[in-house]
Amino acid sequence: MQRLVALSAFLFLIIGAPIARVSHQLTMAAHGTHGRPIVTDRTVRRRPIVTDRGVSIDFPFRLTFNAHVDSPADVGGVVLEYGVEKRTCGRVTAKAYPRVRPGSSVDVSWTWDMRESGAEPPGTTVWYRWVVTDSANRSVVSPEHHVLWLDTIHPWTSISRDRLTLHWYTGDRAFADDLLASATASLRRLGRATGVTPDRTIDLYVYATTDDLLNAVLYAPGWTGGLAFPDYSSVSIGISPAQAAWGRIATAHELTHVLVGQLAFSCLSTIPTWLNEGTAVYGQGGPDATAQSQLDAAIAGNTLLSIHTLSGAFSEIRSTADLSYSESYSLVNYLVGGYGPLRLRHLFKDIQQGLRIEDALRDVYGFGLDGLEDRWRVSVHAAPRPSAQSSPAATALPTPIPTYPPLSDAPVGAPVGAASTHHGVNNASTSPAVSNDAAAPAPIAVGVAQTDSSLSVAWGLIILFAAGAISLFGYAVVRSRSRP
């Protein structure tokens, strides 16, 4: 009996141990040395391939982004990430989710409708990239592409000087040279007076008429002759060769807006409209005779607008808007003439640091909005400010054109890059796009690695079966020898 038990143990060691060792080796081969799935070069290379097919532009209404995707498995999802190049507190990335039909070779497109979102200004650089994931959870990010948002119906020509680039399509070279020389002289004059100089190149788009300008932008007031976009470092203005004299003044005005926007840019506070527009009129050399007469009449008739009213958006009524510009200039002229240009620069710096206009004025000049209006009224011999006047909080003029669109076709619960405002920060992304060769898809284990658990269980059962068979064999031998 002892011999049979010893024999059973010996057979188990001879048969069971090698089987267990082979099972362990197969499991490790499936998982790799450290228990991770093995990924072959072939597996890594088999990812979706994105072919960008460009952007079709219907200016100023919409852009349509197009691409083609080839994938070894069905395309699971496509995301278009996009944005614009502008001054922000962090790069803002918006996301769109185009509808994709089932298949492994598909065309995708998505349209950004500016009529729903608000338009970007002429000359804006739009960037975008495609993110594609297939049904096997392999992803790829396309290279980043750029497109210029500009009407191509005009034969644009460009000239540059210092940090100014002028784009025009009507008028001869002498007309453009005259405007550019006047614009650079205005920047130098403003720099001497306030210390404000451009920190990047400014693009000046000159349309032949104000109608052409209004056809190139959306939602601008009908009386608009020019628009400044400080965060984009650009100006759009309507000037015909016959209006060169007015054009020089208007260009100086809009360029001042860009400089003020660069100097006082902040994610924490905004510039009140009277300070922004008043500095712009100051930069153009002051109001013309007609505007000055209108201001004088308002002073004599005690019909001046309060500084709190001038802190918000100017009226759509042309006469009231004209008075708003002239009065704002007079307020800024009072600050510069009475306290010097360096204090005005200090005021802009305080706003850039996040101070509200009330606190910034008190820090630089020792008085707030009401104190400024009282002192200014005395200086221009106007009636005192009505003591019963309410003093609402100053509200800056909102950005003339909203920035990012709401997302369409986004699945419920999907992460989104929300719309951004003039000074907003939203969904900033600093990760560079990678090419098809550099993208890192989720690794997919090959062959046996996908069935490692069932394999281990099977070999375990084989071991148990062998041990049982040996035991039965020993039992049968004992019984056979015990019989008479």
Protein backbone atom coordinates (compact mmCIF):
# COMPACT_ATOMS: atom_id res chain seq x y z
CA MET A 1 0.00 0.00 0.00
CA GLN A 2 2.81 2.43 0.86
CA ARG A 3 4.46 1.65 -2.46
CA LEU A 4 1.26 2.55 -4.35
CA VAL A 5 0.93 5.85 -2.54
CA ALA A 6 4.55 6.66 -3.27
CA LEU A 7 4.06 5.69 -6.89
CA SER A 8 0.98 7.96 -7.17
CA ALA A 9 2.92 10.90 -5.76
CA PHE A 10 5.80 10.22 -8.11
CA LEU A 11 3.52 10.09 -11.18
CA PHE A 12 1.87 13.36 -10.10
CA LEU A 13 5.23 15.09 -9.92
CA ILE A 14 6.28 13.63 -13.26
CA ILE A 15 3.06 14.58 -15.11
CA GLY A 16 1.49 17.47 -13.15
CA ALA A 17 4.55 19.66 -12.61
CA PRO A 18 5.48 19.95 -16.32
CA ILE A 19 1.83 20.63 -17.18
CA ALA A 20 1.66 23.43 -14.57
CA ARG A 21 4.96 24.88 -15.83
CA VAL A 22 3.75 24.87 -19.45
CA SER A 23 0.48 26.56 -18.37
CA HIS A 24 2.45 29.30 -16.58
CA GLN A 25 4.73 29.85 -19.57
CA LEU A 26 1.78 30.15 -21.95
CA THR A 27 0.10 32.67 -19.67
CA MET A 28 3.30 34.77 -19.38
CA ALA A 29 3.79 34.60 -23.14
CA ALA A 30 0.31 35.98 -23.58
CA HIS A 31 0.86 38.82 -21.13
CA GLY A 32 4.54 39.60 -21.64
CA THR A 33 7.29 39.62 -19.04
CA HIS A 34 5.51 42.15 -16.82
CA GLY A 35 1.95 40.96 -17.38
CA ARG A 36 1.12 43.58 -20.05
CA PRO A 37 -0.48 42.73 -23.44
CA ILE A 38 1.95 42.31 -26.32
CA VAL A 39 1.43 44.90 -29.06
CA THR A 40 2.96 44.25 -32.46
CA ASP A 41 4.13 46.91 -34.93
CA ARG A 42 1.35 45.84 -37.24
CA THR A 43 -1.22 46.48 -34.52
CA VAL A 44 0.07 50.00 -33.84
CA ARG A 45 0.11 50.96 -37.51
CA ARG A 46 -3.44 49.89 -38.16
CA ARG A 47 -5.20 53.07 -37.12
CA PRO A 48 -7.68 55.37 -38.85
CA ILE A 49 -6.18 57.60 -41.54
CA VAL A 50 -7.60 61.14 -41.82
CA THR A 51 -7.33 63.03 -45.11
CA ASP A 52 -8.23 66.70 -44.74
CA ARG A 53 -10.18 68.01 -47.72
CA GLY A 54 -10.05 71.67 -46.87
CA VAL A 55 -12.60 74.31 -45.94
CA SER A 56 -15.22 75.85 -48.21
CA ILE A 57 -16.01 79.47 -47.31
CA ASP A 58 -19.27 81.30 -47.90
CA PHE A 59 -18.18 84.68 -46.54
CA PRO A 60 -19.39 86.16 -44.23
CA PHE A 61 -21.95 83.51 -43.35
CA ARG A 62 -20.33 80.09 -42.94
CA LEU A 63 -17.32 77.77 -43.17
CA THR A 64 -17.68 74.08 -44.00
CA PHE A 65 -14.87 71.75 -42.86
CA ASN A 66 -14.38 68.56 -44.89
CA ALA A 67 -12.36 65.34 -44.43
CA HIS A 68 -12.23 61.68 -45.44
CA VAL A 69 -11.51 58.83 -43.02
CA ASP A 70 -10.23 55.31 -43.85
CA SER A 71 -10.15 52.87 -40.95
CA PRO A 72 -9.40 49.13 -40.49
CA ALA A 73 -12.59 49.00 -38.38
CA ASP A 74 -15.82 50.95 -38.54
CA VAL A 75 -15.46 54.62 -37.64
CA GLY A 76 -16.82 55.05 -34.14
CA GLY A 77 -16.76 58.84 -33.81
CA VAL A 78 -15.34 62.05 -35.29
CA VAL A 79 -14.67 65.28 -33.40
CA LEU A 80 -13.69 68.58 -35.03
CA GLU A 81 -11.62 70.73 -32.69
CA TYR A 82 -11.27 74.34 -33.84
CA GLY A 83 -10.66 77.91 -32.77
CA VAL A 84 -9.23 81.27 -33.87
CA GLU A 85 -5.92 83.01 -33.37
CA LYS A 86 -6.51 85.93 -31.02
CA ARG A 87 -5.34 87.33 -27.71
CA THR A 88 -6.92 85.33 -24.88
CA CYS A 89 -6.10 84.23 -21.35
CA GLY A 90 -5.51 80.71 -22.68
CA ARG A 91 -6.10 78.93 -25.93
CA VAL A 92 -9.82 78.32 -26.40
CA THR A 93 -10.79 75.09 -28.14
CA ALA A 94 -14.31 74.50 -29.40
CA LYS A 95 -15.58 71.04 -30.37
CA ALA A 96 -18.13 69.95 -32.96
CA TYR A 97 -19.50 66.45 -33.49
CA PRO A 98 -20.29 65.78 -37.16
CA ARG A 99 -22.79 63.04 -37.97
CA VAL A 100 -20.99 59.99 -39.38
CA ARG A 101 -22.63 57.17 -41.33
CA PRO A 102 -21.54 53.62 -40.38
CA GLY A 103 -18.57 52.26 -42.31
CA SER A 104 -14.79 52.05 -42.47
CA SER A 105 -14.39 54.58 -45.33
CA VAL A 106 -16.46 57.69 -44.78
CA ASP A 107 -16.67 61.38 -45.72
CA VAL A 108 -17.29 63.84 -42.88
CA SER A 109 -18.14 67.54 -42.84
CA TRP A 110 -19.36 70.17 -40.41
CA THR A 111 -20.55 73.75 -41.00
CA TRP A 112 -19.83 76.70 -38.72
CA ASP A 113 -22.75 79.08 -39.30
CA MET A 114 -21.74 82.62 -38.34
CA ARG A 115 -25.34 83.82 -38.44
CA GLU A 116 -26.04 81.68 -35.40
CA SER A 117 -22.81 82.28 -33.51
CA GLY A 118 -21.79 85.80 -34.50
CA ALA A 119 -19.08 86.33 -37.08
CA GLU A 120 -15.34 86.48 -36.72
CA PRO A 121 -13.78 89.69 -38.13
CA PRO A 122 -12.29 89.75 -41.63
CA GLY A 123 -8.71 88.50 -41.72
CA THR A 124 -9.11 86.07 -38.81
CA THR A 125 -6.99 82.93 -38.91
CA VAL A 126 -9.07 79.85 -38.08
CA TRP A 127 -7.29 76.67 -36.96
CA TYR A 128 -8.77 73.17 -36.78
CA ARG A 129 -7.91 69.48 -36.43
CA TRP A 130 -9.79 66.18 -36.64
CA VAL A 131 -9.95 63.56 -33.87
CA VAL A 132 -11.13 60.13 -35.06
CA THR A 133 -11.84 56.98 -33.03
CA ASP A 134 -12.77 53.61 -34.55
CA SER A 135 -14.92 50.84 -33.13
CA ALA A 136 -11.80 49.09 -31.78
CA ASN A 137 -11.11 52.21 -29.67
CA ARG A 138 -8.07 53.26 -31.73
CA SER A 139 -7.73 57.03 -32.05
CA VAL A 140 -5.80 59.44 -34.22
CA VAL A 141 -5.43 63.24 -34.20
CA SER A 142 -4.80 64.96 -37.52
CA PRO A 143 -2.21 67.72 -37.98
CA GLU A 144 -3.47 71.23 -37.26
CA HIS A 145 -4.67 73.16 -40.32
CA HIS A 146 -5.21 76.90 -40.82
CA VAL A 147 -7.51 78.90 -43.06
CA LEU A 148 -7.91 82.68 -43.56
CA TRP A 149 -11.44 83.97 -42.97
CA LEU A 150 -11.68 86.71 -45.60
CA ASP A 151 -13.90 87.59 -48.53
CA THR A 152 -12.21 86.55 -51.75
CA ILE A 153 -14.52 88.51 -54.05
CA HIS A 154 -12.11 91.44 -53.73
CA PRO A 155 -8.60 91.39 -55.31
CA TRP A 156 -6.72 92.24 -52.10
CA THR A 157 -3.23 93.76 -52.24
CA SER A 158 -0.98 94.35 -49.22
CA ILE A 159 1.85 96.67 -48.18
CA SER A 160 3.63 96.84 -44.81
CA ARG A 161 5.59 99.35 -42.76
CA ASP A 162 6.84 99.06 -39.19
CA ARG A 163 4.14 97.02 -37.39
CA LEU A 164 1.33 97.86 -39.78
CA THR A 165 0.08 95.89 -42.80
CA LEU A 166 -2.50 97.58 -45.03
CA HIS A 167 -4.78 95.49 -47.28
CA TRP A 168 -6.84 97.23 -49.99
CA TYR A 169 -8.42 96.54 -53.38
CA THR A 170 -9.62 99.91 -54.73
CA GLY A 171 -7.36 102.88 -55.44
CA ASP A 172 -3.80 103.11 -56.64
CA ARG A 173 -0.56 102.54 -54.75
CA ALA A 174 -0.31 106.24 -53.90
CA PHE A 175 -3.67 106.04 -52.09
CA ALA A 176 -2.47 103.08 -50.03
CA ASP A 177 0.92 104.66 -49.31
CA ASP A 178 -0.78 107.84 -48.07
CA LEU A 179 -3.06 105.89 -45.70
CA LEU A 180 -0.21 103.77 -44.39
CA ALA A 181 2.04 106.79 -43.81
CA SER A 182 -0.76 108.57 -41.95
CA ALA A 183 -1.47 105.48 -39.85
CA THR A 184 2.16 104.97 -38.80
CA ALA A 185 2.43 108.69 -37.96
CA SER A 186 -0.69 108.38 -35.77
CA LEU A 187 0.84 105.46 -33.90
CA ARG A 188 4.03 107.40 -33.26
CA ARG A 189 2.08 110.46 -32.08
CA LEU A 190 -0.03 108.37 -29.72
CA GLY A 191 3.09 106.65 -28.44
CA ARG A 192 4.69 109.98 -27.55
CA ALA A 193 1.53 111.23 -25.84
CA THR A 194 0.59 108.12 -23.85
CA GLY A 195 3.52 105.72 -24.08
CA VAL A 196 1.29 103.18 -25.87
CA THR A 197 2.97 101.29 -28.72
CA PRO A 198 1.85 98.15 -30.61
CA ASP A 199 3.21 94.85 -29.30
CA ARG A 200 2.40 92.94 -32.51
CA THR A 201 1.61 93.58 -36.17
CA ILE A 202 -1.74 95.26 -36.84
CA ASP A 203 -3.69 94.34 -40.00
CA LEU A 204 -5.72 97.16 -41.55
CA TYR A 205 -8.39 96.03 -44.06
CA VAL A 206 -9.61 98.93 -46.19
CA TYR A 207 -12.95 98.39 -47.94
CA ALA A 208 -13.87 100.66 -50.84
CA THR A 209 -17.19 101.74 -49.30
CA THR A 210 -19.03 101.47 -46.01
CA ASP A 211 -21.54 99.21 -47.78
CA ASP A 212 -18.73 96.79 -48.62
CA LEU A 213 -17.65 96.92 -44.98
CA LEU A 214 -21.14 96.22 -43.64
CA ASN A 215 -21.49 93.35 -46.10
CA ALA A 216 -18.32 91.81 -44.64
CA VAL A 217 -19.39 91.84 -40.98
CA LEU A 218 -22.55 90.82 -39.21
CA TYR A 219 -24.59 92.70 -36.61
CA ALA A 220 -22.74 96.04 -36.84
CA PRO A 221 -24.74 99.29 -36.41
CA GLY A 222 -25.85 100.82 -39.70
CA TRP A 223 -23.82 103.96 -39.11
CA THR A 224 -20.56 102.08 -38.66
CA GLY A 225 -17.64 103.42 -40.70
CA GLY A 226 -14.89 101.34 -39.10
CA LEU A 227 -14.41 98.54 -36.60
CA ALA A 228 -11.45 97.76 -34.38
CA PHE A 229 -10.78 94.26 -33.06
CA PRO A 230 -8.02 94.65 -30.44
CA ASP A 231 -7.84 90.97 -29.50
CA TYR A 232 -7.29 90.08 -33.17
CA SER A 233 -4.93 93.03 -33.73
CA SER A 234 -6.95 94.14 -36.76
CA VAL A 235 -9.06 96.99 -38.11
CA SER A 236 -11.73 96.93 -40.82
CA ILE A 237 -12.77 100.25 -42.31
CA GLY A 238 -14.60 101.61 -45.35
CA ILE A 239 -12.60 104.29 -47.20
CA SER A 240 -12.85 105.25 -50.86
CA PRO A 241 -10.04 107.17 -52.58
CA ALA A 242 -12.30 110.22 -52.59
CA GLN A 243 -12.54 110.04 -48.77
CA ALA A 244 -8.82 109.99 -48.05
CA ALA A 245 -8.95 112.94 -45.62
CA TRP A 246 -11.70 111.36 -43.53
CA GLY A 247 -9.98 107.99 -43.87
CA ARG A 248 -6.81 109.24 -42.21
CA ILE A 249 -8.79 110.44 -39.19
CA ALA A 250 -10.92 107.29 -38.96
CA THR A 251 -7.89 105.04 -39.29
CA ALA A 252 -6.13 106.82 -36.42
CA HIS A 253 -9.28 106.40 -34.31
CA GLU A 254 -9.54 102.64 -34.88
CA LEU A 255 -5.81 102.04 -34.47
CA THR A 256 -6.00 103.72 -31.06
CA HIS A 257 -8.65 101.19 -30.07
CA VAL A 258 -6.27 98.38 -30.93
CA LEU A 259 -3.45 99.92 -28.91
CA VAL A 260 -5.69 100.55 -25.90
CA GLY A 261 -6.98 96.99 -26.12
CA GLN A 262 -3.42 95.63 -26.16
CA LEU A 263 -2.36 97.83 -23.24
CA ALA A 264 -5.36 97.18 -20.99
CA PHE A 265 -6.21 93.59 -21.93
CA SER A 266 -7.43 91.73 -18.85
CA CYS A 267 -9.33 88.59 -18.01
CA LEU A 268 -10.61 90.16 -14.80
CA SER A 269 -11.95 93.58 -15.80
CA THR A 270 -13.12 95.64 -18.78
CA ILE A 271 -12.54 99.12 -20.14
CA PRO A 272 -15.56 101.45 -19.84
CA THR A 273 -16.72 102.74 -23.19
CA TRP A 274 -16.10 106.42 -22.40
CA LEU A 275 -12.42 105.66 -21.68
CA ASN A 276 -12.00 103.47 -24.75
CA GLU A 277 -13.75 105.76 -27.23
CA GLY A 278 -12.50 108.95 -25.61
CA THR A 279 -8.89 107.80 -25.96
CA ALA A 280 -9.58 106.84 -29.59
CA VAL A 281 -10.90 110.32 -30.40
CA TYR A 282 -7.91 111.75 -28.57
CA GLY A 283 -5.65 109.59 -30.74
CA GLN A 284 -7.23 110.89 -33.94
CA GLY A 285 -6.53 114.47 -32.87
CA GLY A 286 -9.85 115.40 -31.22
CA PRO A 287 -13.40 115.89 -32.54
CA ASP A 288 -14.13 117.88 -35.67
CA ALA A 289 -15.77 121.30 -35.54
CA THR A 290 -19.31 119.93 -35.90
CA ALA A 291 -18.86 117.47 -33.04
CA GLN A 292 -17.32 120.15 -30.83
CA SER A 293 -20.29 122.45 -31.53
CA GLN A 294 -22.69 119.68 -30.52
CA LEU A 295 -20.79 119.21 -27.24
CA ASP A 296 -20.83 122.97 -26.57
CA ALA A 297 -24.59 123.03 -27.12
CA ALA A 298 -25.10 120.13 -24.69
CA ILE A 299 -23.03 121.95 -22.07
CA ALA A 300 -25.01 125.17 -22.52
CA GLY A 301 -28.36 123.35 -22.54
CA ASN A 302 -27.50 121.06 -19.61
CA THR A 303 -28.19 117.95 -21.70
CA LEU A 304 -24.92 116.18 -21.07
CA LEU A 305 -24.90 112.42 -20.59
CA SER A 306 -23.74 111.03 -17.23
CA ILE A 307 -20.44 109.22 -17.03
CA HIS A 308 -22.31 106.10 -15.90
CA THR A 309 -24.38 106.19 -19.09
CA LEU A 310 -21.18 106.61 -21.10
CA SER A 311 -19.69 103.54 -19.42
CA GLY A 312 -22.10 101.26 -21.33
CA ALA A 313 -22.82 100.77 -25.00
CA PHE A 314 -23.39 103.95 -26.99
CA SER A 315 -26.82 104.69 -28.41
CA GLU A 316 -27.94 103.50 -31.85
CA ILE A 317 -29.31 107.04 -32.42
CA ARG A 318 -26.70 108.86 -34.46
CA SER A 319 -26.97 112.24 -32.73
CA THR A 320 -26.74 110.69 -29.26
CA ALA A 321 -23.83 108.52 -30.36
CA ASP A 322 -22.00 111.58 -31.71
CA LEU A 323 -22.45 113.39 -28.40
CA SER A 324 -21.20 110.29 -26.57
CA TYR A 325 -17.96 110.32 -28.58
CA SER A 326 -17.38 114.06 -28.07
CA GLU A 327 -18.13 113.96 -24.36
CA SER A 328 -15.93 110.90 -23.86
CA TYR A 329 -13.07 112.70 -25.60
CA SER A 330 -13.54 115.71 -23.35
CA LEU A 331 -13.32 113.50 -20.25
CA VAL A 332 -10.09 111.86 -21.44
CA ASN A 333 -8.67 115.22 -22.52
CA TYR A 334 -9.36 116.51 -19.01
CA LEU A 335 -7.42 113.61 -17.48
CA VAL A 336 -4.46 113.99 -19.86
CA GLY A 337 -4.37 117.78 -19.73
CA GLY A 338 -4.85 118.02 -15.97
CA TYR A 339 -2.80 115.08 -14.73
CA GLY A 340 -0.50 114.09 -17.59
CA PRO A 341 -0.28 111.11 -19.98
CA LEU A 342 1.69 108.91 -17.58
CA ARG A 343 -1.21 108.74 -15.16
CA LEU A 344 -3.52 107.69 -18.00
CA ARG A 345 -1.11 104.87 -18.79
CA HIS A 346 -1.12 103.93 -15.10
CA LEU A 347 -4.93 103.82 -15.24
CA PHE A 348 -4.82 101.34 -18.13
CA LYS A 349 -2.30 99.22 -16.25
CA ASP A 350 -4.56 99.08 -13.19
CA ILE A 351 -7.41 97.88 -15.39
CA GLN A 352 -5.09 95.27 -16.91
CA GLN A 353 -4.32 94.06 -13.38
CA GLY A 354 -8.04 93.50 -12.78
CA LEU A 355 -9.17 96.63 -10.95
CA ARG A 356 -12.67 97.95 -11.62
CA ILE A 357 -12.73 101.43 -13.14
CA GLU A 358 -13.96 102.93 -9.87
CA ASP A 359 -11.05 101.47 -7.91
CA ALA A 360 -8.54 102.20 -10.68
CA LEU A 361 -9.55 105.88 -10.78
CA ARG A 362 -9.24 106.18 -7.01
CA ASP A 363 -5.82 104.51 -7.09
CA VAL A 364 -4.42 106.79 -9.81
CA TYR A 365 -6.28 110.08 -9.33
CA GLY A 366 -7.75 109.89 -5.86
CA PHE A 367 -11.40 110.09 -6.98
CA GLY A 368 -13.96 107.76 -8.56
CA LEU A 369 -16.44 108.11 -11.42
CA ASP A 370 -18.69 110.66 -9.71
CA GLY A 371 -15.67 112.67 -8.59
CA LEU A 372 -14.31 112.68 -12.14
CA GLU A 373 -17.61 113.90 -13.57
CA ASP A 374 -17.89 116.66 -10.92
CA ARG A 375 -14.39 117.96 -11.62
CA TRP A 376 -14.81 117.71 -15.40
CA ARG A 377 -18.11 119.64 -15.30
CA VAL A 378 -16.38 122.43 -13.42
CA SER A 379 -13.55 122.50 -15.99
CA VAL A 380 -15.96 122.91 -18.96
CA HIS A 381 -18.28 125.29 -17.09
CA ALA A 382 -21.23 122.90 -17.13
CA ALA A 383 -24.03 122.68 -14.58
CA PRO A 384 -23.33 120.45 -11.55
CA ARG A 385 -24.16 116.79 -11.72
CA PRO A 386 -27.71 116.14 -10.46
CA SER A 387 -27.35 114.86 -6.88
CA ALA A 388 -30.38 112.57 -7.19
CA GLN A 389 -28.92 110.78 -10.18
CA SER A 390 -28.64 107.04 -9.74
CA SER A 391 -25.20 105.59 -10.18
CA PRO A 392 -25.42 102.13 -11.73
CA ALA A 393 -22.30 100.01 -11.96
CA ALA A 394 -20.17 100.77 -14.98
CA THR A 395 -20.73 98.28 -17.78
CA ALA A 396 -18.24 98.08 -20.61
CA LEU A 397 -19.28 97.93 -24.23
CA PRO A 398 -19.57 94.24 -25.10
CA THR A 399 -17.39 92.86 -27.83
CA PRO A 400 -18.92 93.84 -31.21
CA ILE A 401 -18.84 90.28 -32.54
CA PRO A 402 -19.16 87.13 -30.37
CA THR A 403 -16.37 84.65 -30.63
CA TYR A 404 -17.15 80.89 -30.44
CA PRO A 405 -20.31 79.16 -31.61
CA PRO A 406 -22.55 76.87 -29.63
CA LEU A 407 -21.98 73.26 -30.44
CA SER A 408 -24.37 71.35 -32.65
CA ASP A 409 -24.87 67.60 -32.92
CA ALA A 410 -23.08 67.04 -29.60
CA PRO A 411 -24.07 63.87 -27.78
CA VAL A 412 -25.65 64.31 -24.37
CA GLY A 413 -23.01 64.32 -21.67
CA ALA A 414 -20.12 64.76 -24.11
CA PRO A 415 -17.30 67.11 -23.10
CA VAL A 416 -17.65 70.41 -24.90
CA GLY A 417 -15.57 73.46 -25.65
CA ALA A 418 -18.11 76.13 -24.78
CA ALA A 419 -18.52 79.54 -26.36
CA SER A 420 -16.03 82.15 -25.30
CA THR A 421 -16.64 85.83 -24.63
CA HIS A 422 -14.31 88.77 -25.20
CA HIS A 423 -12.21 88.13 -22.11
CA GLY A 424 -13.34 84.61 -21.21
CA VAL A 425 -11.22 81.53 -20.67
CA ASN A 426 -12.78 78.26 -21.64
CA ASN A 427 -11.43 74.77 -22.17
CA ALA A 428 -7.87 75.88 -22.79
CA SER A 429 -5.75 73.25 -24.57
CA THR A 430 -1.95 73.33 -24.90
CA SER A 431 -1.47 69.79 -26.17
CA PRO A 432 -0.03 69.87 -29.72
CA ALA A 433 -1.77 67.93 -32.42
CA VAL A 434 0.08 64.86 -33.59
CA SER A 435 0.38 63.36 -37.03
CA ASN A 436 -0.86 59.93 -38.08
CA ASP A 437 2.63 58.49 -37.50
CA ALA A 438 2.94 59.92 -34.01
CA ALA A 439 -0.51 59.31 -32.59
CA ALA A 440 -0.68 56.76 -29.79
CA PRO A 441 -3.75 54.56 -30.12
CA ALA A 442 -4.94 52.30 -27.34
CA PRO A 443 -2.89 49.06 -27.56
CA ILE A 444 -4.74 45.94 -28.70
CA ALA A 445 -3.38 42.56 -27.48
CA VAL A 446 -2.94 39.90 -30.13
CA GLY A 447 -4.15 36.25 -30.37
CA VAL A 448 -3.76 34.29 -27.16
CA ALA A 449 -3.52 37.38 -24.97
CA GLN A 450 -7.22 37.94 -25.42
CA THR A 451 -8.11 34.46 -23.98
CA ASP A 452 -5.55 34.14 -21.16
CA SER A 453 -8.06 33.55 -18.36
CA SER A 454 -9.88 30.67 -20.06
CA LEU A 455 -6.52 29.09 -20.99
CA SER A 456 -5.33 29.03 -17.38
CA VAL A 457 -8.59 27.47 -16.20
CA ALA A 458 -8.36 24.72 -18.87
CA TRP A 459 -4.84 23.71 -17.83
CA GLY A 460 -5.88 23.67 -14.22
CA LEU A 461 -8.67 21.24 -15.02
CA ILE A 462 -6.21 19.03 -16.94
CA ILE A 463 -3.93 18.91 -13.90
CA LEU A 464 -6.80 17.96 -11.60
CA PHE A 465 -7.98 15.30 -14.05
CA ALA A 466 -4.48 13.75 -14.21
CA ALA A 467 -4.19 13.67 -10.43
CA GLY A 468 -7.59 12.00 -10.14
CA ALA A 469 -6.70 9.41 -12.77
CA ILE A 470 -3.49 8.53 -10.90
CA SER A 471 -5.40 8.16 -7.66
CA LEU A 472 -7.99 5.85 -9.27
CA PHE A 473 -5.22 3.79 -10.83
CA GLY A 474 -3.61 3.30 -7.43
CA TYR A 475 -6.93 2.39 -5.84
CA ALA A 476 -7.64 -0.21 -8.54
CA VAL A 477 -4.23 -1.85 -8.04
CA VAL A 478 -4.78 -2.10 -4.29
CA ARG A 479 -8.20 -3.69 -4.78
CA SER A 480 -6.91 -6.18 -7.29
CA ARG A 481 -4.14 -7.39 -4.94
CA SER A 482 -6.46 -7.60 -1.93
CA ARG A 483 -8.74 -10.11 -3.65
CA PRO A 484 -8.23 -13.80 -2.80
